C-alpha cells in the first residue's frame, strides 16, 4: 500500500503534465502546457525552477548530451537549461496549425516519441511521431484523438499506449532495433465513469500506473488481467500524469490541471494544478534519455 499523498509544489498550473525523473540531476522535470512553462523540481532543496519556453510545451525528456528535449507547438527542439538556448530539430505538423504536441517519452534505444492532438474538439486529428537519433522523424500512428501514456515493458518487447478518447490501454509488440511496433491489442478497458486514461508510468513489476483525468486519481492496473490493483486518490479531479522518481524510484510524482474549473470547483480543489508526491511500496523504472 501507499503512504500519505503530499503536495510538493502548489503551482496552480493550468495544465500540469509530463513528469519525468532525471536520475543524473536528481530532479523531476514537468510542464505546464498552456502556460509555456518547463519546470524542474529538486526534492532535496524543495525548489521548483521554471523556464518560459515561449510556446505551448507538450512534454519534456532528458537528453544524453545535456539539457532536455521538448515537444513544442513548433515541433521537436533541444533546450539548454543554463543558456536557455532553443535548437529546433523539425516540425512534423507544420501543416496542422490546429494541433499541438501532448505526451511523450523516449524508448529504450533513446528515440523520442511524442503524440499530438487538436486544440478544439479532438477526435481523429492527432498523430504519434518518433524522432530518431539521426534527426529523422517518422509517423507511427494517425487518427488519434488525444495521444497519451507511452511506456515500454522491462524486457523492451512491449509498448503500451493510450488514446484518451478510446478509454483503453493498448499494447504492441515493440522491436528495439528498428523502433517499429505491431500486433495491436487492447489490454485494459476503462469504464467511462472512471475518468479518461491520461498519462502513464510503469513500475518494476511491469504494472501500469494510469492518471484518470476527471477521475481524481491514479490507478495501478495489471495489463495481464486488465484489473485495478490499487488506487491513489488525488484532491484534484483533473489528474493528468505520473512518474516514479527519487533516489530509489519509490516516489510517485503526480501532475494535475486547474484549467476550466469554476469558482466553486476551485474552492473545493484549492491545490488543483499542483505537483503531488507519494511513497509507493513498489519501485519504478529508470528514465530513457534522448540519445541523439
C-alpha atoms as a PDB file:
ATOM      1  CA  UNK A   1       0.000   0.000   0.000  1.00  0.00           C
ATOM      2  CA  UNK A   2       0.975   3.617  -0.465  1.00  0.00           C
ATOM      3  CA  UNK A   3       1.788   6.225   2.195  1.00  0.00           C
ATOM      4  CA  UNK A   4       0.155   9.654   2.517  1.00  0.00           C
ATOM      5  CA  UNK A   5      -0.063  11.942  -0.512  1.00  0.00           C
ATOM      6  CA  UNK A   6       1.923  15.177  -0.190  1.00  0.00           C
ATOM      7  CA  UNK A   7       1.601  18.490  -2.044  1.00  0.00           C
ATOM      8  CA  UNK A   8       5.187  19.402  -3.000  1.00  0.00           C
ATOM      9  CA  UNK A   9       4.594  22.406  -5.320  1.00  0.00           C
ATOM     10  CA  UNK A  10       1.406  24.466  -5.101  1.00  0.00           C
ATOM     11  CA  UNK A  11       1.859  25.602  -8.694  1.00  0.00           C
ATOM     12  CA  UNK A  12      -1.760  26.169  -9.778  1.00  0.00           C
ATOM     13  CA  UNK A  13      -0.717  25.012 -13.243  1.00  0.00           C
ATOM     14  CA  UNK A  14      -3.289  25.411 -15.991  1.00  0.00           C
ATOM     15  CA  UNK A  15      -2.340  22.052 -17.477  1.00  0.00           C
ATOM     16  CA  UNK A  16       0.396  20.347 -15.467  1.00  0.00           C
ATOM     17  CA  UNK A  17       1.730  17.370 -17.436  1.00  0.00           C
ATOM     18  CA  UNK A  18       4.681  15.229 -18.470  1.00  0.00           C
ATOM     19  CA  UNK A  19       6.531  14.476 -15.195  1.00  0.00           C
ATOM     20  CA  UNK A  20       9.805  12.629 -15.747  1.00  0.00           C
ATOM     21  CA  UNK A  21      12.668  11.903 -13.345  1.00  0.00           C
ATOM     22  CA  UNK A  22      16.255  12.724 -14.300  1.00  0.00           C
ATOM     23  CA  UNK A  23      18.496  10.390 -12.301  1.00  0.00           C
ATOM     24  CA  UNK A  24      21.623  12.434 -13.127  1.00  0.00           C
ATOM     25  CA  UNK A  25      20.448  15.824 -11.864  1.00  0.00           C
ATOM     26  CA  UNK A  26      18.111  14.220  -9.285  1.00  0.00           C
ATOM     27  CA  UNK A  27      15.313  16.488 -10.409  1.00  0.00           C
ATOM     28  CA  UNK A  28      11.815  15.977 -11.708  1.00  0.00           C
ATOM     29  CA  UNK A  29      11.037  17.749 -14.966  1.00  0.00           C
ATOM     30  CA  UNK A  30       7.431  18.581 -15.758  1.00  0.00           C
ATOM     31  CA  UNK A  31       5.492  21.101 -17.837  1.00  0.00           C
ATOM     32  CA  UNK A  32       2.512  23.426 -17.710  1.00  0.00           C
ATOM     33  CA  UNK A  33       1.469  23.075 -21.334  1.00  0.00           C
ATOM     34  CA  UNK A  34      -0.784  26.116 -21.721  1.00  0.00           C
ATOM     35  CA  UNK A  35       1.414  28.474 -19.667  1.00  0.00           C
ATOM     36  CA  UNK A  36       4.519  27.720 -21.796  1.00  0.00           C
ATOM     37  CA  UNK A  37       6.350  26.606 -18.648  1.00  0.00           C
ATOM     38  CA  UNK A  38       9.053  23.999 -18.202  1.00  0.00           C
ATOM     39  CA  UNK A  39       9.617  23.109 -14.545  1.00  0.00           C
ATOM     40  CA  UNK A  40      12.390  21.308 -12.672  1.00  0.00           C
ATOM     41  CA  UNK A  41      11.648  20.271  -9.088  1.00  0.00           C
ATOM     42  CA  UNK A  42      14.536  19.385  -6.762  1.00  0.00           C
ATOM     43  CA  UNK A  43      13.238  17.305  -3.844  1.00  0.00           C
ATOM     44  CA  UNK A  44      16.491  17.808  -1.909  1.00  0.00           C
ATOM     45  CA  UNK A  45      16.095  21.599  -1.772  1.00  0.00           C
ATOM     46  CA  UNK A  46      12.338  21.682  -2.433  1.00  0.00           C
ATOM     47  CA  UNK A  47      12.989  24.314  -5.107  1.00  0.00           C
ATOM     48  CA  UNK A  48      10.916  24.317  -8.290  1.00  0.00           C
ATOM     49  CA  UNK A  49      12.710  26.188 -11.091  1.00  0.00           C
ATOM     50  CA  UNK A  50      10.644  27.490 -14.014  1.00  0.00           C
ATOM     51  CA  UNK A  51      11.512  28.465 -17.581  1.00  0.00           C
ATOM     52  CA  UNK A  52       9.140  30.200 -20.004  1.00  0.00           C
ATOM     53  CA  UNK A  53       9.881  28.463 -23.327  1.00  0.00           C
ATOM     54  CA  UNK A  54       7.773  30.877 -25.384  1.00  0.00           C
ATOM     55  CA  UNK A  55       5.122  28.485 -26.706  1.00  0.00           C
ATOM     56  CA  UNK A  56       2.903  25.635 -25.613  1.00  0.00           C
ATOM     57  CA  UNK A  57       5.085  22.730 -24.493  1.00  0.00           C
ATOM     58  CA  UNK A  58       3.591  19.235 -24.569  1.00  0.00           C
ATOM     59  CA  UNK A  59       6.324  17.191 -22.947  1.00  0.00           C
ATOM     60  CA  UNK A  60       9.968  17.043 -21.839  1.00  0.00           C
ATOM     61  CA  UNK A  61      12.633  14.318 -21.729  1.00  0.00           C
ATOM     62  CA  UNK A  62      16.283  14.424 -20.580  1.00  0.00           C
ATOM     63  CA  UNK A  63      18.963  14.416 -23.289  1.00  0.00           C
ATOM     64  CA  UNK A  64      22.094  12.271 -23.069  1.00  0.00           C
ATOM     65  CA  UNK A  65      24.410  15.075 -24.184  1.00  0.00           C
ATOM     66  CA  UNK A  66      22.916  17.537 -21.699  1.00  0.00           C
ATOM     67  CA  UNK A  67      19.850  19.672 -21.353  1.00  0.00           C
ATOM     68  CA  UNK A  68      16.434  18.412 -22.358  1.00  0.00           C
ATOM     69  CA  UNK A  69      14.336  17.729 -25.426  1.00  0.00           C
ATOM     70  CA  UNK A  70      10.905  19.290 -25.800  1.00  0.00           C
ATOM     71  CA  UNK A  71       7.891  18.632 -27.988  1.00  0.00           C
ATOM     72  CA  UNK A  72       6.513  22.127 -28.537  1.00  0.00           C
ATOM     73  CA  UNK A  73       3.748  23.671 -30.597  1.00  0.00           C
ATOM     74  CA  UNK A  74       6.516  24.349 -33.131  1.00  0.00           C
ATOM     75  CA  UNK A  75       7.884  20.806 -33.128  1.00  0.00           C
ATOM     76  CA  UNK A  76      10.806  18.932 -31.603  1.00  0.00           C
ATOM     77  CA  UNK A  77      13.555  21.036 -30.027  1.00  0.00           C
ATOM     78  CA  UNK A  78      16.564  20.839 -27.720  1.00  0.00           C
ATOM     79  CA  UNK A  79      16.694  23.236 -24.785  1.00  0.00           C
ATOM     80  CA  UNK A  80      19.846  24.245 -22.891  1.00  0.00           C
ATOM     81  CA  UNK A  81      18.843  24.720 -19.258  1.00  0.00           C
ATOM     82  CA  UNK A  82      21.742  27.065 -18.490  1.00  0.00           C
ATOM     83  CA  UNK A  83      21.863  29.327 -21.533  1.00  0.00           C
ATOM     84  CA  UNK A  84      18.129  28.899 -22.282  1.00  0.00           C
ATOM     85  CA  UNK A  85      19.021  28.440 -25.948  1.00  0.00           C
ATOM     86  CA  UNK A  86      16.458  26.582 -28.042  1.00  0.00           C
ATOM     87  CA  UNK A  87      17.549  24.494 -31.044  1.00  0.00           C
ATOM     88  CA  UNK A  88      14.728  23.274 -33.259  1.00  0.00           C
ATOM     89  CA  UNK A  89      15.007  19.910 -34.996  1.00  0.00           C
ATOM     90  CA  UNK A  90      11.835  19.509 -37.045  1.00  0.00           C
ATOM     91  CA  UNK A  91       8.120  20.322 -37.040  1.00  0.00           C
ATOM     92  CA  UNK A  92       6.257  17.333 -38.479  1.00  0.00           C
ATOM     93  CA  UNK A  93       2.902  19.073 -38.072  1.00  0.00           C
ATOM     94  CA  UNK A  94       3.698  22.457 -39.577  1.00  0.00           C
ATOM     95  CA  UNK A  95       0.763  21.910 -41.923  1.00  0.00           C
ATOM     96  CA  UNK A  96      -1.599  21.319 -38.966  1.00  0.00           C
ATOM     97  CA  UNK A  97      -1.785  24.660 -37.101  1.00  0.00           C
ATOM     98  CA  UNK A  98      -4.819  23.487 -35.133  1.00  0.00           C
ATOM     99  CA  UNK A  99      -2.783  20.747 -33.459  1.00  0.00           C
ATOM    100  CA  UNK A 100      -0.316  20.791 -30.588  1.00  0.00           C
ATOM    101  CA  UNK A 101       2.021  18.200 -29.092  1.00  0.00           C
ATOM    102  CA  UNK A 102       0.982  16.402 -25.943  1.00  0.00           C
ATOM    103  CA  UNK A 103       2.552  13.499 -24.014  1.00  0.00           C
ATOM    104  CA  UNK A 104       5.839  11.826 -24.979  1.00  0.00           C
ATOM    105  CA  UNK A 105       8.786   9.736 -23.782  1.00  0.00           C
ATOM    106  CA  UNK A 106      11.957   8.086 -25.054  1.00  0.00           C
ATOM    107  CA  UNK A 107      12.115   4.401 -25.942  1.00  0.00           C
ATOM    108  CA  UNK A 108      14.840   2.013 -24.677  1.00  0.00           C
ATOM    109  CA  UNK A 109      17.039   2.868 -27.688  1.00  0.00           C
ATOM    110  CA  UNK A 110      16.858   6.606 -26.961  1.00  0.00           C
ATOM    111  CA  UNK A 111      14.391   7.671 -29.657  1.00  0.00           C
ATOM    112  CA  UNK A 112      11.930  10.430 -28.708  1.00  0.00           C
ATOM    113  CA  UNK A 113       8.231   9.586 -29.180  1.00  0.00           C
ATOM    114  CA  UNK A 114       5.562  12.269 -28.850  1.00  0.00           C
ATOM    115  CA  UNK A 115       1.932  12.480 -29.888  1.00  0.00           C
ATOM    116  CA  UNK A 116      -0.348  15.308 -30.889  1.00  0.00           C
ATOM    117  CA  UNK A 117      -3.963  16.381 -30.517  1.00  0.00           C
ATOM    118  CA  UNK A 118      -6.280  19.108 -31.783  1.00  0.00           C
ATOM    119  CA  UNK A 119      -6.849  22.209 -29.680  1.00  0.00           C
ATOM    120  CA  UNK A 120     -10.567  22.163 -30.457  1.00  0.00           C
ATOM    121  CA  UNK A 121     -12.874  19.123 -30.468  1.00  0.00           C
ATOM    122  CA  UNK A 122     -10.183  16.433 -30.707  1.00  0.00           C
ATOM    123  CA  UNK A 123     -11.473  13.324 -32.451  1.00  0.00           C
ATOM    124  CA  UNK A 124      -9.055  11.886 -35.017  1.00  0.00           C
ATOM    125  CA  UNK A 125      -6.711  14.767 -35.869  1.00  0.00           C
ATOM    126  CA  UNK A 126      -3.802  13.596 -33.727  1.00  0.00           C
ATOM    127  CA  UNK A 127      -0.729  11.564 -34.638  1.00  0.00           C
ATOM    128  CA  UNK A 128       2.090   9.718 -32.887  1.00  0.00           C
ATOM    129  CA  UNK A 129       5.615  10.624 -34.039  1.00  0.00           C
ATOM    130  CA  UNK A 130       9.079   9.181 -33.432  1.00  0.00           C
ATOM    131  CA  UNK A 131      12.218  11.326 -33.602  1.00  0.00           C
ATOM    132  CA  UNK A 132      15.212   9.098 -34.307  1.00  0.00           C
ATOM    133  CA  UNK A 133      18.808   9.665 -33.266  1.00  0.00           C
ATOM    134  CA  UNK A 134      19.772  10.942 -36.716  1.00  0.00           C
ATOM    135  CA  UNK A 135      17.108  13.658 -36.563  1.00  0.00           C
ATOM    136  CA  UNK A 136      14.685  11.927 -38.928  1.00  0.00           C
ATOM    137  CA  UNK A 137      11.038  11.867 -37.885  1.00  0.00           C
ATOM    138  CA  UNK A 138       8.526   9.096 -38.553  1.00  0.00           C
ATOM    139  CA  UNK A 139       4.739   8.909 -38.201  1.00  0.00           C
ATOM    140  CA  UNK A 140       3.899   5.824 -36.135  1.00  0.00           C
ATOM    141  CA  UNK A 141       0.119   6.278 -35.873  1.00  0.00           C
ATOM    142  CA  UNK A 142      -2.604   8.576 -37.121  1.00  0.00           C
ATOM    143  CA  UNK A 143      -6.327   9.057 -36.463  1.00  0.00           C
ATOM    144  CA  UNK A 144      -5.595   9.679 -32.770  1.00  0.00           C
ATOM    145  CA  UNK A 145      -7.783  11.880 -30.582  1.00  0.00           C
ATOM    146  CA  UNK A 146      -5.608  12.664 -27.537  1.00  0.00           C
ATOM    147  CA  UNK A 147      -2.187  10.984 -27.564  1.00  0.00           C
ATOM    148  CA  UNK A 148      -1.067   9.983 -24.070  1.00  0.00           C
ATOM    149  CA  UNK A 149       0.649   7.472 -21.805  1.00  0.00           C
ATOM    150  CA  UNK A 150       3.674   5.922 -23.531  1.00  0.00           C
ATOM    151  CA  UNK A 151       5.710   3.254 -21.681  1.00  0.00           C
ATOM    152  CA  UNK A 152       7.800   0.173 -22.514  1.00  0.00           C
ATOM    153  CA  UNK A 153       7.985  -3.134 -20.659  1.00  0.00           C
ATOM    154  CA  UNK A 154      11.113  -4.146 -18.752  1.00  0.00           C
ATOM    155  CA  UNK A 155      12.130  -6.651 -21.441  1.00  0.00           C
ATOM    156  CA  UNK A 156      11.762  -3.951 -24.144  1.00  0.00           C
ATOM    157  CA  UNK A 157       9.367  -6.161 -26.079  1.00  0.00           C
ATOM    158  CA  UNK A 158       6.049  -4.435 -25.373  1.00  0.00           C
ATOM    159  CA  UNK A 159       4.925  -0.841 -25.938  1.00  0.00           C
ATOM    160  CA  UNK A 160       1.859   0.438 -24.056  1.00  0.00           C
ATOM    161  CA  UNK A 161      -0.095   3.417 -25.361  1.00  0.00           C
ATOM    162  CA  UNK A 162      -3.189   5.466 -24.528  1.00  0.00           C
ATOM    163  CA  UNK A 163      -5.520   7.448 -26.743  1.00  0.00           C
ATOM    164  CA  UNK A 164      -7.607   9.072 -24.012  1.00  0.00           C
ATOM    165  CA  UNK A 165     -10.836   9.244 -26.009  1.00  0.00           C
ATOM    166  CA  UNK A 166     -10.672   5.490 -26.686  1.00  0.00           C
ATOM    167  CA  UNK A 167     -10.915   4.739 -22.943  1.00  0.00           C
ATOM    168  CA  UNK A 168      -8.442   1.896 -23.081  1.00  0.00           C
ATOM    169  CA  UNK A 169      -4.771   0.968 -22.914  1.00  0.00           C
ATOM    170  CA  UNK A 170      -3.324  -0.727 -25.973  1.00  0.00           C
ATOM    171  CA  UNK A 171      -0.258  -2.955 -26.192  1.00  0.00           C
ATOM    172  CA  UNK A 172       2.016  -3.530 -29.188  1.00  0.00           C
ATOM    173  CA  UNK A 173       4.958  -5.750 -29.938  1.00  0.00           C
ATOM    174  CA  UNK A 174       7.996  -3.455 -29.954  1.00  0.00           C
ATOM    175  CA  UNK A 175      11.208  -4.023 -31.909  1.00  0.00           C
ATOM    176  CA  UNK A 176      14.052  -2.199 -30.174  1.00  0.00           C
ATOM    177  CA  UNK A 177      16.393  -2.369 -33.171  1.00  0.00           C
ATOM    178  CA  UNK A 178      14.036  -0.619 -35.589  1.00  0.00           C
ATOM    179  CA  UNK A 179      11.612   1.179 -33.287  1.00  0.00           C
ATOM    180  CA  UNK A 180       8.692  -0.422 -35.112  1.00  0.00           C
ATOM    181  CA  UNK A 181       5.507  -1.611 -33.406  1.00  0.00           C
ATOM    182  CA  UNK A 182       2.995  -4.273 -34.462  1.00  0.00           C
ATOM    183  CA  UNK A 183       0.246  -6.599 -33.240  1.00  0.00           C
ATOM    184  CA  UNK A 184      -2.100  -4.055 -31.624  1.00  0.00           C
ATOM    185  CA  UNK A 185      -4.372  -5.345 -28.865  1.00  0.00           C
ATOM    186  CA  UNK A 186      -6.408  -3.808 -26.039  1.00  0.00           C
ATOM    187  CA  UNK A 187      -5.168  -4.909 -22.605  1.00  0.00           C
ATOM    188  CA  UNK A 188      -7.193  -2.589 -20.355  1.00  0.00           C
ATOM    189  CA  UNK A 189     -10.749  -1.315 -20.831  1.00  0.00           C
ATOM    190  CA  UNK A 190     -11.595   1.785 -18.783  1.00  0.00           C
ATOM    191  CA  UNK A 191     -15.217   2.444 -17.828  1.00  0.00           C
ATOM    192  CA  UNK A 192     -16.456   5.929 -18.726  1.00  0.00           C
ATOM    193  CA  UNK A 193     -17.229   6.862 -15.118  1.00  0.00           C
ATOM    194  CA  UNK A 194     -13.638   6.231 -14.034  1.00  0.00           C
ATOM    195  CA  UNK A 195     -12.268   9.303 -15.806  1.00  0.00           C
ATOM    196  CA  UNK A 196     -10.332   9.329 -19.052  1.00  0.00           C
ATOM    197  CA  UNK A 197      -6.990   7.480 -19.032  1.00  0.00           C
ATOM    198  CA  UNK A 198      -4.259  10.108 -19.391  1.00  0.00           C
ATOM    199  CA  UNK A 199      -0.545   9.925 -18.610  1.00  0.00           C
ATOM    200  CA  UNK A 200       1.019   6.646 -17.506  1.00  0.00           C
ATOM    201  CA  UNK A 201       4.049   5.211 -15.701  1.00  0.00           C
ATOM    202  CA  UNK A 202       5.317   1.635 -15.423  1.00  0.00           C
ATOM    203  CA  UNK A 203       6.800   0.045 -12.315  1.00  0.00           C
ATOM    204  CA  UNK A 204       9.487  -2.588 -11.775  1.00  0.00           C
ATOM    205  CA  UNK A 205       6.827  -5.308 -11.812  1.00  0.00           C
ATOM    206  CA  UNK A 206       5.543  -4.145 -15.232  1.00  0.00           C
ATOM    207  CA  UNK A 207       2.268  -2.868 -13.794  1.00  0.00           C
ATOM    208  CA  UNK A 208       0.794   0.322 -15.231  1.00  0.00           C
ATOM    209  CA  UNK A 209       0.049   3.439 -13.165  1.00  0.00           C
ATOM    210  CA  UNK A 210      -2.534   5.494 -15.076  1.00  0.00           C
ATOM    211  CA  UNK A 211      -3.762   9.029 -14.313  1.00  0.00           C
ATOM    212  CA  UNK A 212      -7.515   9.382 -14.732  1.00  0.00           C
ATOM    213  CA  UNK A 213      -8.497  12.844 -15.979  1.00  0.00           C
ATOM    214  CA  UNK A 214     -11.838  13.709 -14.422  1.00  0.00           C
ATOM    215  CA  UNK A 215     -11.450  10.797 -12.023  1.00  0.00           C
ATOM    216  CA  UNK A 216      -9.193  12.486  -9.466  1.00  0.00           C
ATOM    217  CA  UNK A 217      -6.866   9.536  -9.029  1.00  0.00           C
ATOM    218  CA  UNK A 218      -4.032   7.321 -10.189  1.00  0.00           C
ATOM    219  CA  UNK A 219      -4.883   3.647 -10.660  1.00  0.00           C
ATOM    220  CA  UNK A 220      -2.381   0.806 -10.760  1.00  0.00           C
ATOM    221  CA  UNK A 221      -3.532  -1.626 -13.455  1.00  0.00           C
ATOM    222  CA  UNK A 222      -2.418  -5.157 -14.228  1.00  0.00           C
ATOM    223  CA  UNK A 223      -2.035  -5.364 -18.030  1.00  0.00           C
ATOM    224  CA  UNK A 224      -2.227  -9.146 -17.864  1.00  0.00           C
ATOM    225  CA  UNK A 225      -5.650  -9.340 -16.201  1.00  0.00           C
ATOM    226  CA  UNK A 226      -6.922  -5.853 -17.065  1.00  0.00           C
ATOM    227  CA  UNK A 227      -7.866  -5.262 -13.433  1.00  0.00           C
ATOM    228  CA  UNK A 228      -7.230  -2.409 -10.980  1.00  0.00           C
ATOM    229  CA  UNK A 229      -4.748  -3.346  -8.263  1.00  0.00           C
ATOM    230  CA  UNK A 230      -4.517  -0.107  -6.293  1.00  0.00           C
ATOM    231  CA  UNK A 231      -5.897   3.448  -6.305  1.00  0.00           C
ATOM    232  CA  UNK A 232      -4.247   6.693  -5.190  1.00  0.00           C
ATOM    233  CA  UNK A 233      -6.819   9.438  -4.675  1.00  0.00           C
ATOM    234  CA  UNK A 234      -5.739  12.953  -5.680  1.00  0.00           C
ATOM    235  CA  UNK A 235      -7.510  16.127  -4.431  1.00  0.00           C
ATOM    236  CA  UNK A 236      -7.744  17.447  -7.985  1.00  0.00           C
ATOM    237  CA  UNK A 237     -10.271  15.944 -10.384  1.00  0.00           C
ATOM    238  CA  UNK A 238      -8.199  16.692 -13.482  1.00  0.00           C
ATOM    239  CA  UNK A 239      -5.323  14.323 -12.698  1.00  0.00           C
ATOM    240  CA  UNK A 240      -3.066  14.230 -15.756  1.00  0.00           C
ATOM    241  CA  UNK A 241       0.105  12.138 -15.371  1.00  0.00           C
ATOM    242  CA  UNK A 242       2.538  10.418 -13.032  1.00  0.00           C
ATOM    243  CA  UNK A 243       6.179   9.344 -12.897  1.00  0.00           C
ATOM    244  CA  UNK A 244       8.401   7.438 -10.487  1.00  0.00           C
ATOM    245  CA  UNK A 245      11.315   9.383  -9.063  1.00  0.00           C
ATOM    246  CA  UNK A 246      13.604   9.887  -6.110  1.00  0.00           C
ATOM    247  CA  UNK A 247      16.940   8.132  -5.410  1.00  0.00           C
ATOM    248  CA  UNK A 248      15.219   4.752  -5.057  1.00  0.00           C
ATOM    249  CA  UNK A 249      12.490   5.380  -7.656  1.00  0.00           C
ATOM    250  CA  UNK A 250       9.889   4.755  -4.961  1.00  0.00           C
ATOM    251  CA  UNK A 251       8.199   8.165  -5.053  1.00  0.00           C
ATOM    252  CA  UNK A 252       5.304   8.638  -7.438  1.00  0.00           C
ATOM    253  CA  UNK A 253       5.044  12.236  -8.645  1.00  0.00           C
ATOM    254  CA  UNK A 254       1.621  13.337  -9.899  1.00  0.00           C
ATOM    255  CA  UNK A 255       0.578  16.304 -12.025  1.00  0.00           C
ATOM    256  CA  UNK A 256      -2.882  17.785 -12.482  1.00  0.00           C
ATOM    257  CA  UNK A 257      -4.698  20.736 -14.047  1.00  0.00           C
ATOM    258  CA  UNK A 258      -6.631  23.785 -12.864  1.00  0.00           C
ATOM    259  CA  UNK A 259      -7.890  24.884 -16.289  1.00  0.00           C
ATOM    260  CA  UNK A 260     -11.615  25.231 -16.811  1.00  0.00           C
ATOM    261  CA  UNK A 261     -12.602  24.927 -13.165  1.00  0.00           C
ATOM    262  CA  UNK A 262     -15.464  27.052 -11.890  1.00  0.00           C
ATOM    263  CA  UNK A 263     -15.063  29.240  -8.806  1.00  0.00           C
ATOM    264  CA  UNK A 264     -16.940  26.604  -6.805  1.00  0.00           C
ATOM    265  CA  UNK A 265     -14.691  23.824  -8.103  1.00  0.00           C
ATOM    266  CA  UNK A 266     -11.571  25.843  -7.321  1.00  0.00           C
ATOM    267  CA  UNK A 267     -12.829  26.327  -3.770  1.00  0.00           C
ATOM    268  CA  UNK A 268     -13.309  22.563  -3.472  1.00  0.00           C
ATOM    269  CA  UNK A 269      -9.926  21.836  -5.093  1.00  0.00           C
ATOM    270  CA  UNK A 270      -7.634  24.635  -3.844  1.00  0.00           C
ATOM    271  CA  UNK A 271      -4.471  22.778  -4.897  1.00  0.00           C
ATOM    272  CA  UNK A 272      -5.589  21.842  -8.406  1.00  0.00           C
ATOM    273  CA  UNK A 273      -2.660  22.330 -10.750  1.00  0.00           C
ATOM    274  CA  UNK A 274      -0.179  21.370  -8.042  1.00  0.00           C
ATOM    275  CA  UNK A 275       2.593  18.772  -8.076  1.00  0.00           C
ATOM    276  CA  UNK A 276       1.947  15.921  -5.641  1.00  0.00           C
ATOM    277  CA  UNK A 277       4.123  13.045  -4.410  1.00  0.00           C
ATOM    278  CA  UNK A 278       3.552   9.791  -2.578  1.00  0.00           C
ATOM    279  CA  UNK A 279       5.822   6.948  -1.441  1.00  0.00           C
ATOM    280  CA  UNK A 280       4.925   3.617  -3.004  1.00  0.00           C
ATOM    281  CA  UNK A 281       5.533   0.020  -1.995  1.00  0.00           C
ATOM    282  CA  UNK A 282       6.956  -0.781  -5.424  1.00  0.00           C
ATOM    283  CA  UNK A 283       9.758   0.905  -7.341  1.00  0.00           C
ATOM    284  CA  UNK A 284       9.555   2.423 -10.779  1.00  0.00           C
ATOM    285  CA  UNK A 285      11.909   2.059 -13.701  1.00  0.00           C
ATOM    286  CA  UNK A 286      14.706   4.429 -14.812  1.00  0.00           C
ATOM    287  CA  UNK A 287      14.013   7.059 -17.455  1.00  0.00           C
ATOM    288  CA  UNK A 288      15.276   6.647 -21.007  1.00  0.00           C
ATOM    289  CA  UNK A 289      17.144   9.670 -22.418  1.00  0.00           C
ATOM    290  CA  UNK A 290      17.154  11.036 -25.924  1.00  0.00           C
ATOM    291  CA  UNK A 291      20.393   9.704 -27.405  1.00  0.00           C
ATOM    292  CA  UNK A 292      20.514  11.973 -30.458  1.00  0.00           C
END
